[in-house]
Each structure stands twice: as structure tokens, then as C-alpha cells.
């Protein structure tokens, strides 16, 4: 079941009824933007009790188009990696 930003803001407003919803939305925007900025600067983001986010550089490679079988060059790129805490792993 996916969770949206509005769902998270609703949960925060239930947990903290003395805070205004617009303030919680602004807090959430600032929080997410700071994570984005850190990842763009190749920094590692660790949220204790939640997980770790970081970026990894992938080399360029030659791949195949599965439909036509034609060779395609995939340029090098930065990808997001994440590792969640063990409590989130389903067993």
C-alpha cells in the first residue's frame, strides 16, 4: 500500500494537533528538499531507525533493446541506493 505525502502530513497532524497543517506541510517540504540536496552533493543520508540513502555512480555500458535486439549505449549515470533497517524487512 503506497503512502503519499498528504497521508504522512495527516498522520503528523493527528500526532501533533497543536501544530497547523500548513506548518507541517512546510516542514515536510524542507525535510525532503534537504535530503535531495544532500544526495545531489553525493552525501550519505542516514535516518536513525529508518534507513540509509546514498548515490552510486554507474559506468556507461552497451546494452540491448529487448524488442529489436539492437545494441544501445547507456551513458554513465548516478543512481539512488537505499538500505532499510531490519525492522522493516518482511520475513
C-alpha atoms as a PDB file:
ATOM      1  CA  UNK A   1       0.000   0.000   0.000  1.00  0.00           C
ATOM      2  CA  UNK A   2       1.695   3.234  -1.108  1.00  0.00           C
ATOM      3  CA  UNK A   3       1.933   6.161   1.242  1.00  0.00           C
ATOM      4  CA  UNK A   4       1.640   9.666  -0.141  1.00  0.00           C
ATOM      5  CA  UNK A   5       2.966  12.932   1.208  1.00  0.00           C
ATOM      6  CA  UNK A   6      -0.563  14.020   2.148  1.00  0.00           C
ATOM      7  CA  UNK A   7      -1.031  10.779   4.129  1.00  0.00           C
ATOM      8  CA  UNK A   8       2.142  11.480   6.080  1.00  0.00           C
ATOM      9  CA  UNK A   9       1.064  15.064   6.785  1.00  0.00           C
ATOM     10  CA  UNK A  10      -2.321  13.785   8.029  1.00  0.00           C
ATOM     11  CA  UNK A  11      -0.581  11.355  10.388  1.00  0.00           C
ATOM     12  CA  UNK A  12       1.677  14.135  11.652  1.00  0.00           C
ATOM     13  CA  UNK A  13      -1.324  16.403  12.232  1.00  0.00           C
ATOM     14  CA  UNK A  14      -3.018  13.634  14.250  1.00  0.00           C
ATOM     15  CA  UNK A  15       0.132  13.116  16.314  1.00  0.00           C
ATOM     16  CA  UNK A  16       0.696  16.843  16.809  1.00  0.00           C
ATOM     17  CA  UNK A  17      -2.751  18.510  16.907  1.00  0.00           C
ATOM     18  CA  UNK A  18      -1.313  21.763  18.284  1.00  0.00           C
ATOM     19  CA  UNK A  19       0.621  22.395  15.032  1.00  0.00           C
ATOM     20  CA  UNK A  20      -1.042  23.876  11.975  1.00  0.00           C
ATOM     21  CA  UNK A  21      -1.368  21.673   8.898  1.00  0.00           C
ATOM     22  CA  UNK A  22       0.319  24.276   6.665  1.00  0.00           C
ATOM     23  CA  UNK A  23       3.293  24.356   9.065  1.00  0.00           C
ATOM     24  CA  UNK A  24       3.579  20.570   8.929  1.00  0.00           C
ATOM     25  CA  UNK A  25       3.448  20.663   5.119  1.00  0.00           C
ATOM     26  CA  UNK A  26       6.191  23.304   5.054  1.00  0.00           C
ATOM     27  CA  UNK A  27       8.305  21.244   7.481  1.00  0.00           C
ATOM     28  CA  UNK A  28       7.874  18.170   5.310  1.00  0.00           C
ATOM     29  CA  UNK A  29       8.862  20.100   2.160  1.00  0.00           C
ATOM     30  CA  UNK A  30      12.000  21.464   3.829  1.00  0.00           C
ATOM     31  CA  UNK A  31      12.869  17.999   5.162  1.00  0.00           C
ATOM     32  CA  UNK A  32      12.565  16.320   1.750  1.00  0.00           C
ATOM     33  CA  UNK A  33      14.416  19.151  -0.021  1.00  0.00           C
ATOM     34  CA  UNK A  34      17.345  18.880   2.405  1.00  0.00           C
ATOM     35  CA  UNK A  35      17.582  15.150   1.669  1.00  0.00           C
ATOM     36  CA  UNK A  36      17.505  15.871  -2.095  1.00  0.00           C
ATOM     37  CA  UNK A  37      20.250  18.497  -1.780  1.00  0.00           C
ATOM     38  CA  UNK A  38      22.453  16.160   0.233  1.00  0.00           C
ATOM     39  CA  UNK A  39      22.041  13.351  -2.302  1.00  0.00           C
ATOM     40  CA  UNK A  40      22.782  15.698  -5.217  1.00  0.00           C
ATOM     41  CA  UNK A  41      26.024  16.624  -3.428  1.00  0.00           C
ATOM     42  CA  UNK A  42      26.959  12.908  -3.153  1.00  0.00           C
ATOM     43  CA  UNK A  43      26.428  12.900   0.600  1.00  0.00           C
ATOM     44  CA  UNK A  44      25.069   9.956   2.536  1.00  0.00           C
ATOM     45  CA  UNK A  45      21.765  10.464   4.403  1.00  0.00           C
ATOM     46  CA  UNK A  46      21.191   8.323   7.472  1.00  0.00           C
ATOM     47  CA  UNK A  47      17.867   8.425   9.286  1.00  0.00           C
ATOM     48  CA  UNK A  48      18.363   6.509  12.501  1.00  0.00           C
ATOM     49  CA  UNK A  49      15.764   3.809  12.992  1.00  0.00           C
ATOM     50  CA  UNK A  50      14.645   4.182   9.377  1.00  0.00           C
ATOM     51  CA  UNK A  51      17.406   3.627   6.827  1.00  0.00           C
ATOM     52  CA  UNK A  52      20.278   4.986   4.767  1.00  0.00           C
ATOM     53  CA  UNK A  53      20.138   6.724   1.385  1.00  0.00           C
ATOM     54  CA  UNK A  54      23.139   7.327  -0.860  1.00  0.00           C
ATOM     55  CA  UNK A  55      24.058   7.691  -4.501  1.00  0.00           C
ATOM     56  CA  UNK A  56      26.190   5.415  -6.611  1.00  0.00           C
ATOM     57  CA  UNK A  57      27.801   6.079  -9.979  1.00  0.00           C
ATOM     58  CA  UNK A  58      27.079   3.535 -12.699  1.00  0.00           C
ATOM     59  CA  UNK A  59      29.531   3.183 -15.559  1.00  0.00           C
ATOM     60  CA  UNK A  60      28.421   3.538 -19.141  1.00  0.00           C
ATOM     61  CA  UNK A  61      27.680   0.232 -20.824  1.00  0.00           C
ATOM     62  CA  UNK A  62      26.459  -1.368 -24.001  1.00  0.00           C
ATOM     63  CA  UNK A  63      23.055  -2.934 -23.593  1.00  0.00           C
ATOM     64  CA  UNK A  64      20.415  -4.412 -25.892  1.00  0.00           C
ATOM     65  CA  UNK A  65      16.961  -3.236 -26.797  1.00  0.00           C
ATOM     66  CA  UNK A  66      14.861  -6.290 -25.822  1.00  0.00           C
ATOM     67  CA  UNK A  67      12.290  -5.646 -28.542  1.00  0.00           C
ATOM     68  CA  UNK A  68      14.647  -5.298 -31.520  1.00  0.00           C
ATOM     69  CA  UNK A  69      17.859  -6.854 -30.206  1.00  0.00           C
ATOM     70  CA  UNK A  70      19.712  -3.714 -31.318  1.00  0.00           C
ATOM     71  CA  UNK A  71      22.753  -2.606 -29.298  1.00  0.00           C
ATOM     72  CA  UNK A  72      22.214   0.578 -27.306  1.00  0.00           C
ATOM     73  CA  UNK A  73      24.810   2.662 -25.451  1.00  0.00           C
ATOM     74  CA  UNK A  74      23.684   3.581 -21.937  1.00  0.00           C
ATOM     75  CA  UNK A  75      25.601   6.597 -20.632  1.00  0.00           C
ATOM     76  CA  UNK A  76      27.059   6.732 -17.139  1.00  0.00           C
ATOM     77  CA  UNK A  77      24.583   7.905 -14.525  1.00  0.00           C
ATOM     78  CA  UNK A  78      24.003   8.414 -10.839  1.00  0.00           C
ATOM     79  CA  UNK A  79      21.514   6.099  -9.136  1.00  0.00           C
ATOM     80  CA  UNK A  80      19.895   6.222  -5.721  1.00  0.00           C
ATOM     81  CA  UNK A  81      20.543   3.361  -3.339  1.00  0.00           C
ATOM     82  CA  UNK A  82      18.806   2.729  -0.055  1.00  0.00           C
ATOM     83  CA  UNK A  83      19.025   0.268   2.753  1.00  0.00           C
ATOM     84  CA  UNK A  84      16.212  -0.020   5.273  1.00  0.00           C
ATOM     85  CA  UNK A  85      16.522  -1.060   8.888  1.00  0.00           C
ATOM     86  CA  UNK A  86      15.948  -4.709   9.772  1.00  0.00           C
ATOM     87  CA  UNK A  87      12.620  -3.969  11.479  1.00  0.00           C
ATOM     88  CA  UNK A  88      11.110  -3.137   8.062  1.00  0.00           C
ATOM     89  CA  UNK A  89      12.146  -6.401   6.412  1.00  0.00           C
ATOM     90  CA  UNK A  90       9.238  -8.819   5.995  1.00  0.00           C
ATOM     91  CA  UNK A  91      10.002 -12.393   6.906  1.00  0.00           C
END
